[in-house]
Structure formats: structure tokens, C-alpha cells
Amino acid sequence: MNKLTYTAVALATAAVVGGLMFATGSLNPFGLNESKREQIAQGQVLFGVRCASCHGKNLEGQPNWQTP
């Protein structure tokens, strides 16, 4: 085999392994587990306390938000 073939095989293997890891959740940022659910709940509370006064409770923003 030549260098190009080895490179193609290595890239294909990396793509398959990466795809499997993403699909099974080990690299999937959307795979929710209990820890991520807790973080999301904490983020909702933090947003309500620190951010909602400017961004709006429902993320609607404020009119003329570019003006200080």
C-alpha cells in the first residue's frame, strides 16, 4: 500500500470511530444525562436572577437594546 492509501484508511477509521462516539453519547452534547439536566436547571435559575431583567423572562429582549 502507498502513503495515500494509508492516509485514506486512517481518515475513514477516525470518521467511523468519531461517528460512533457521537451517536452513542460519549461526545454528543445533546445526549442529556442527569448531570446535564442539573446544569440546565441551575442555568435557568441563574438566568432568572442575573439576566432576565435585561433579556426578558422569555428571551424577548428589550426595545432599543443597542442604546446604553
PDB file of N, CA and C in Angstrom:
ATOM      1  N   MET A   1       0.844  -1.188   0.000  1.00  0.00           N
ATOM      2  CA  MET A   1       0.000   0.000   0.000  1.00  0.00           C
ATOM      3  C   MET A   1       0.887   1.247   0.000  1.00  0.00           C
ATOM      4  N   ASN A   2       0.372   2.283  -0.611  1.00  0.00           N
ATOM      5  CA  ASN A   2       1.149   3.507  -0.634  1.00  0.00           C
ATOM      6  C   ASN A   2       0.672   4.465   0.457  1.00  0.00           C
ATOM      7  N   LYS A   3       1.344   5.575   0.566  1.00  0.00           N
ATOM      8  CA  LYS A   3       1.069   6.550   1.631  1.00  0.00           C
ATOM      9  C   LYS A   3      -0.360   7.097   1.544  1.00  0.00           C
ATOM     10  N   LEU A   4      -0.848   7.346   0.341  1.00  0.00           N
ATOM     11  CA  LEU A   4      -2.200   7.866   0.153  1.00  0.00           C
ATOM     12  C   LEU A   4      -3.249   6.870   0.647  1.00  0.00           C
ATOM     13  N   THR A   5      -3.033   5.609   0.411  1.00  0.00           N
ATOM     14  CA  THR A   5      -3.971   4.577   0.863  1.00  0.00           C
ATOM     15  C   THR A   5      -3.999   4.514   2.385  1.00  0.00           C
ATOM     16  N   TYR A   6      -2.834   4.546   3.021  1.00  0.00           N
ATOM     17  CA  TYR A   6      -2.774   4.542   4.486  1.00  0.00           C
ATOM     18  C   TYR A   6      -3.504   5.766   5.070  1.00  0.00           C
ATOM     19  N   THR A   7      -3.299   6.899   4.448  1.00  0.00           N
ATOM     20  CA  THR A   7      -3.956   8.121   4.915  1.00  0.00           C
ATOM     21  C   THR A   7      -5.468   8.006   4.773  1.00  0.00           C
ATOM     22  N   ALA A   8      -5.929   7.484   3.658  1.00  0.00           N
ATOM     23  CA  ALA A   8      -7.367   7.327   3.436  1.00  0.00           C
ATOM     24  C   ALA A   8      -7.974   6.356   4.440  1.00  0.00           C
ATOM     25  N   VAL A   9      -7.287   5.259   4.710  1.00  0.00           N
ATOM     26  CA  VAL A   9      -7.778   4.277   5.690  1.00  0.00           C
ATOM     27  C   VAL A   9      -7.809   4.895   7.087  1.00  0.00           C
ATOM     28  N   ALA A  10      -6.788   5.647   7.447  1.00  0.00           N
ATOM     29  CA  ALA A  10      -6.741   6.284   8.766  1.00  0.00           C
ATOM     30  C   ALA A  10      -7.871   7.298   8.912  1.00  0.00           C
ATOM     31  N   LEU A  11      -8.108   8.109   7.903  1.00  0.00           N
ATOM     32  CA  LEU A  11      -9.194   9.092   7.960  1.00  0.00           C
ATOM     33  C   LEU A  11     -10.563   8.416   8.030  1.00  0.00           C
ATOM     34  N   ALA A  12     -10.746   7.363   7.269  1.00  0.00           N
ATOM     35  CA  ALA A  12     -12.018   6.645   7.299  1.00  0.00           C
ATOM     36  C   ALA A  12     -12.252   6.017   8.665  1.00  0.00           C
ATOM     37  N   THR A  13     -11.206   5.442   9.245  1.00  0.00           N
ATOM     38  CA  THR A  13     -11.323   4.836  10.571  1.00  0.00           C
ATOM     39  C   THR A  13     -11.655   5.895  11.614  1.00  0.00           C
ATOM     40  N   ALA A  14     -10.984   7.037  11.550  1.00  0.00           N
ATOM     41  CA  ALA A  14     -11.257   8.115  12.502  1.00  0.00           C
ATOM     42  C   ALA A  14     -12.694   8.615  12.353  1.00  0.00           C
ATOM     43  N   ALA A  15     -13.182   8.705  11.132  1.00  0.00           N
ATOM     44  CA  ALA A  15     -14.547   9.158  10.907  1.00  0.00           C
ATOM     45  C   ALA A  15     -15.553   8.167  11.483  1.00  0.00           C
ATOM     46  N   VAL A  16     -15.314   6.884  11.294  1.00  0.00           N
ATOM     47  CA  VAL A  16     -16.232   5.865  11.818  1.00  0.00           C
ATOM     48  C   VAL A  16     -16.222   5.869  13.336  1.00  0.00           C
ATOM     49  N   VAL A  17     -15.047   5.891  13.945  1.00  0.00           N
ATOM     50  CA  VAL A  17     -14.947   5.891  15.403  1.00  0.00           C
ATOM     51  C   VAL A  17     -15.577   7.157  15.979  1.00  0.00           C
ATOM     52  N   GLY A  18     -15.289   8.301  15.387  1.00  0.00           N
ATOM     53  CA  GLY A  18     -15.884   9.551  15.854  1.00  0.00           C
ATOM     54  C   GLY A  18     -17.399   9.541  15.712  1.00  0.00           C
ATOM     55  N   GLY A  19     -17.892   9.026  14.601  1.00  0.00           N
ATOM     56  CA  GLY A  19     -19.335   8.937  14.404  1.00  0.00           C
ATOM     57  C   GLY A  19     -19.998   8.039  15.432  1.00  0.00           C
ATOM     58  N   LEU A  20     -19.369   6.917  15.740  1.00  0.00           N
ATOM     59  CA  LEU A  20     -19.921   6.015  16.747  1.00  0.00           C
ATOM     60  C   LEU A  20     -19.909   6.654  18.131  1.00  0.00           C
ATOM     61  N   MET A  21     -18.838   7.348  18.456  1.00  0.00           N
ATOM     62  CA  MET A  21     -18.768   8.011  19.760  1.00  0.00           C
ATOM     63  C   MET A  21     -19.829   9.097  19.869  1.00  0.00           C
ATOM     64  N   PHE A  22     -20.037   9.849  18.791  1.00  0.00           N
ATOM     65  CA  PHE A  22     -21.055  10.897  18.808  1.00  0.00           C
ATOM     66  C   PHE A  22     -22.445  10.283  18.940  1.00  0.00           C
ATOM     67  N   ALA A  23     -22.706   9.226  18.180  1.00  0.00           N
ATOM     68  CA  ALA A  23     -24.027   8.599  18.182  1.00  0.00           C
ATOM     69  C   ALA A  23     -24.351   7.938  19.515  1.00  0.00           C
ATOM     70  N   THR A  24     -23.358   7.396  20.190  1.00  0.00           N
ATOM     71  CA  THR A  24     -23.621   6.711  21.448  1.00  0.00           C
ATOM     72  C   THR A  24     -23.642   7.644  22.640  1.00  0.00           C
ATOM     73  N   GLY A  25     -23.285   8.899  22.444  1.00  0.00           N
ATOM     74  CA  GLY A  25     -23.429   9.872  23.511  1.00  0.00           C
ATOM     75  C   GLY A  25     -22.157  10.274  24.214  1.00  0.00           C
ATOM     76  N   SER A  26     -21.055   9.573  24.002  1.00  0.00           N
ATOM     77  CA  SER A  26     -19.843   9.950  24.729  1.00  0.00           C
ATOM     78  C   SER A  26     -19.295  11.290  24.260  1.00  0.00           C
ATOM     79  N   LEU A  27     -19.576  11.708  23.034  1.00  0.00           N
ATOM     80  CA  LEU A  27     -19.188  13.031  22.549  1.00  0.00           C
ATOM     81  C   LEU A  27     -20.401  13.853  22.132  1.00  0.00           C
ATOM     82  N   ASN A  28     -21.586  13.346  22.371  1.00  0.00           N
ATOM     83  CA  ASN A  28     -22.804  14.002  21.927  1.00  0.00           C
ATOM     84  C   ASN A  28     -23.239  15.044  22.948  1.00  0.00           C
ATOM     85  N   PRO A  29     -23.135  16.337  22.618  1.00  0.00           N
ATOM     86  CA  PRO A  29     -23.521  17.372  23.583  1.00  0.00           C
ATOM     87  C   PRO A  29     -25.023  17.406  23.830  1.00  0.00           C
ATOM     88  N   PHE A  30     -25.790  16.740  22.968  1.00  0.00           N
ATOM     89  CA  PHE A  30     -27.238  16.741  23.116  1.00  0.00           C
ATOM     90  C   PHE A  30     -27.748  15.520  23.868  1.00  0.00           C
ATOM     91  N   GLY A  31     -26.852  14.595  24.180  1.00  0.00           N
ATOM     92  CA  GLY A  31     -27.244  13.417  24.953  1.00  0.00           C
ATOM     93  C   GLY A  31     -27.403  13.821  26.414  1.00  0.00           C
ATOM     94  N   LEU A  32     -28.630  14.025  26.858  1.00  0.00           N
ATOM     95  CA  LEU A  32     -28.858  14.511  28.217  1.00  0.00           C
ATOM     96  C   LEU A  32     -28.744  13.384  29.223  1.00  0.00           C
ATOM     97  N   ASN A  33     -27.975  13.627  30.254  1.00  0.00           N
ATOM     98  CA  ASN A  33     -27.935  12.718  31.386  1.00  0.00           C
ATOM     99  C   ASN A  33     -28.318  13.532  32.621  1.00  0.00           C
ATOM    100  N   GLU A  34     -28.348  12.904  33.767  1.00  0.00           N
ATOM    101  CA  GLU A  34     -28.797  13.590  34.981  1.00  0.00           C
ATOM    102  C   GLU A  34     -27.930  14.808  35.304  1.00  0.00           C
ATOM    103  N   SER A  35     -26.628  14.699  35.109  1.00  0.00           N
ATOM    104  CA  SER A  35     -25.718  15.814  35.394  1.00  0.00           C
ATOM    105  C   SER A  35     -26.034  17.018  34.506  1.00  0.00           C
ATOM    106  N   LYS A  36     -26.265  16.759  33.213  1.00  0.00           N
ATOM    107  CA  LYS A  36     -26.577  17.856  32.294  1.00  0.00           C
ATOM    108  C   LYS A  36     -27.938  18.458  32.618  1.00  0.00           C
ATOM    109  N   ARG A  37     -28.885  17.646  33.022  1.00  0.00           N
ATOM    110  CA  ARG A  37     -30.201  18.170  33.401  1.00  0.00           C
ATOM    111  C   ARG A  37     -30.075  19.098  34.609  1.00  0.00           C
ATOM    112  N   GLU A  38     -29.230  18.726  35.567  1.00  0.00           N
ATOM    113  CA  GLU A  38     -28.999  19.576  36.740  1.00  0.00           C
ATOM    114  C   GLU A  38     -28.354  20.894  36.331  1.00  0.00           C
ATOM    115  N   GLN A  39     -27.390  20.841  35.402  1.00  0.00           N
ATOM    116  CA  GLN A  39     -26.738  22.062  34.931  1.00  0.00           C
ATOM    117  C   GLN A  39     -27.738  22.975  34.230  1.00  0.00           C
ATOM    118  N   ILE A  40     -28.620  22.388  33.435  1.00  0.00           N
ATOM    119  CA  ILE A  40     -29.624  23.183  32.736  1.00  0.00           C
ATOM    120  C   ILE A  40     -30.558  23.851  33.742  1.00  0.00           C
ATOM    121  N   ALA A  41     -30.976  23.111  34.753  1.00  0.00           N
ATOM    122  CA  ALA A  41     -31.861  23.672  35.783  1.00  0.00           C
ATOM    123  C   ALA A  41     -31.158  24.811  36.524  1.00  0.00           C
ATOM    124  N   GLN A  42     -29.879  24.642  36.847  1.00  0.00           N
ATOM    125  CA  GLN A  42     -29.120  25.696  37.514  1.00  0.00           C
ATOM    126  C   GLN A  42     -28.993  26.919  36.604  1.00  0.00           C
ATOM    127  N   GLY A  43     -28.799  26.687  35.308  1.00  0.00           N
ATOM    128  CA  GLY A  43     -28.696  27.780  34.351  1.00  0.00           C
ATOM    129  C   GLY A  43     -29.997  28.560  34.240  1.00  0.00           C
ATOM    130  N   GLN A  44     -31.129  27.845  34.308  1.00  0.00           N
ATOM    131  CA  GLN A  44     -32.418  28.534  34.260  1.00  0.00           C
ATOM    132  C   GLN A  44     -32.593  29.446  35.474  1.00  0.00           C
ATOM    133  N   VAL A  45     -32.182  28.967  36.637  1.00  0.00           N
ATOM    134  CA  VAL A  45     -32.278  29.791  37.847  1.00  0.00           C
ATOM    135  C   VAL A  45     -31.343  30.992  37.733  1.00  0.00           C
ATOM    136  N   LEU A  46     -30.118  30.757  37.299  1.00  0.00           N
ATOM    137  CA  LEU A  46     -29.139  31.836  37.147  1.00  0.00           C
ATOM    138  C   LEU A  46     -29.629  32.885  36.151  1.00  0.00           C
ATOM    139  N   PHE A  47     -30.199  32.441  35.036  1.00  0.00           N
ATOM    140  CA  PHE A  47     -30.736  33.382  34.051  1.00  0.00           C
ATOM    141  C   PHE A  47     -31.827  34.243  34.682  1.00  0.00           C
ATOM    142  N   GLY A  48     -32.701  33.623  35.444  1.00  0.00           N
ATOM    143  CA  GLY A  48     -33.784  34.359  36.093  1.00  0.00           C
ATOM    144  C   GLY A  48     -33.272  35.411  37.054  1.00  0.00           C
ATOM    145  N   VAL A  49     -32.190  35.097  37.757  1.00  0.00           N
ATOM    146  CA  VAL A  49     -31.646  36.019  38.760  1.00  0.00           C
ATOM    147  C   VAL A  49     -30.789  37.115  38.124  1.00  0.00           C
ATOM    148  N   ARG A  50     -29.941  36.743  37.164  1.00  0.00           N
ATOM    149  CA  ARG A  50     -28.942  37.678  36.647  1.00  0.00           C
ATOM    150  C   ARG A  50     -29.243  38.280  35.283  1.00  0.00           C
ATOM    151  N   CYS A  51     -30.028  37.610  34.460  1.00  0.00           N
ATOM    152  CA  CYS A  51     -30.120  38.007  33.056  1.00  0.00           C
ATOM    153  C   CYS A  51     -31.503  38.467  32.621  1.00  0.00           C
ATOM    154  N   ALA A  52     -32.540  37.910  33.229  1.00  0.00           N
ATOM    155  CA  ALA A  52     -33.901  38.158  32.747  1.00  0.00           C
ATOM    156  C   ALA A  52     -34.307  39.620  32.836  1.00  0.00           C
ATOM    157  N   SER A  53     -33.720  40.375  33.762  1.00  0.00           N
ATOM    158  CA  SER A  53     -34.108  41.781  33.891  1.00  0.00           C
ATOM    159  C   SER A  53     -33.788  42.572  32.622  1.00  0.00           C
ATOM    160  N   CYS A  54     -32.750  42.199  31.897  1.00  0.00           N
ATOM    161  CA  CYS A  54     -32.409  42.881  30.645  1.00  0.00           C
ATOM    162  C   CYS A  54     -32.897  42.110  29.417  1.00  0.00           C
ATOM    163  N   HIS A  55     -32.727  40.804  29.430  1.00  0.00           N
ATOM    164  CA  HIS A  55     -33.044  39.987  28.256  1.00  0.00           C
ATOM    165  C   HIS A  55     -34.518  39.612  28.177  1.00  0.00           C
ATOM    166  N   GLY A  56     -35.242  39.791  29.262  1.00  0.00           N
ATOM    167  CA  GLY A  56     -36.644  39.414  29.301  1.00  0.00           C
ATOM    168  C   GLY A  56     -36.810  37.995  29.817  1.00  0.00           C
ATOM    169  N   LYS A  57     -37.874  37.780  30.545  1.00  0.00           N
ATOM    170  CA  LYS A  57     -38.124  36.467  31.143  1.00  0.00           C
ATOM    171  C   LYS A  57     -38.202  35.377  30.082  1.00  0.00           C
ATOM    172  N   ASN A  58     -38.746  35.714  28.927  1.00  0.00           N
ATOM    173  CA  ASN A  58     -38.916  34.739  27.846  1.00  0.00           C
ATOM    174  C   ASN A  58     -37.952  34.980  26.690  1.00  0.00           C
ATOM    175  N   LEU A  59     -36.807  35.589  26.973  1.00  0.00           N
ATOM    176  CA  LEU A  59     -35.760  35.873  25.986  1.00  0.00           C
ATOM    177  C   LEU A  59     -36.214  36.814  24.882  1.00  0.00           C
ATOM    178  N   GLU A  60     -37.184  37.675  25.186  1.00  0.00           N
ATOM    179  CA  GLU A  60     -37.705  38.574  24.158  1.00  0.00           C
ATOM    180  C   GLU A  60     -36.845  39.808  23.971  1.00  0.00           C
ATOM    181  N   GLY A  61     -35.898  40.062  24.866  1.00  0.00           N
ATOM    182  CA  GLY A  61     -35.043  41.227  24.747  1.00  0.00           C
ATOM    183  C   GLY A  61     -35.775  42.502  25.095  1.00  0.00           C
ATOM    184  N   GLN A  62     -35.155  43.599  24.870  1.00  0.00           N
ATOM    185  CA  GLN A  62     -35.738  44.896  25.177  1.00  0.00           C
ATOM    186  C   GLN A  62     -35.702  45.764  23.926  1.00  0.00           C
ATOM    187  N   PRO A  63     -36.704  46.638  23.773  1.00  0.00           N
ATOM    188  CA  PRO A  63     -36.655  47.560  22.634  1.00  0.00           C
ATOM    189  C   PRO A  63     -35.424  48.462  22.743  1.00  0.00           C
ATOM    190  N   ASN A  64     -34.827  48.787  21.611  1.00  0.00           N
ATOM    191  CA  ASN A  64     -33.691  49.693  21.557  1.00  0.00           C
ATOM    192  C   ASN A  64     -32.535  49.215  22.452  1.00  0.00           C
ATOM    193  N   TRP A  65     -32.238  47.927  22.381  1.00  0.00           N
ATOM    194  CA  TRP A  65     -31.231  47.347  23.264  1.00  0.00           C
ATOM    195  C   TRP A  65     -29.804  47.810  22.977  1.00  0.00           C
ATOM    196  N   GLN A  66     -29.566  48.400  21.799  1.00  0.00           N
ATOM    197  CA  GLN A  66     -28.202  48.836  21.474  1.00  0.00           C
ATOM    198  C   GLN A  66     -27.823  50.128  22.190  1.00  0.00           C
ATOM    199  N   THR A  67     -28.789  50.884  22.673  1.00  0.00           N
ATOM    200  CA  THR A  67     -28.519  52.153  23.352  1.00  0.00           C
ATOM    201  C   THR A  67     -28.273  51.893  24.819  1.00  0.00           C
ATOM    202  N   PRO A  68     -27.142  52.366  25.355  1.00  0.00           N
ATOM    203  CA  PRO A  68     -26.864  52.144  26.796  1.00  0.00           C
ATOM    204  C   PRO A  68     -27.867  52.873  27.680  1.00  0.00           C
TER     205      PRO A  68
END
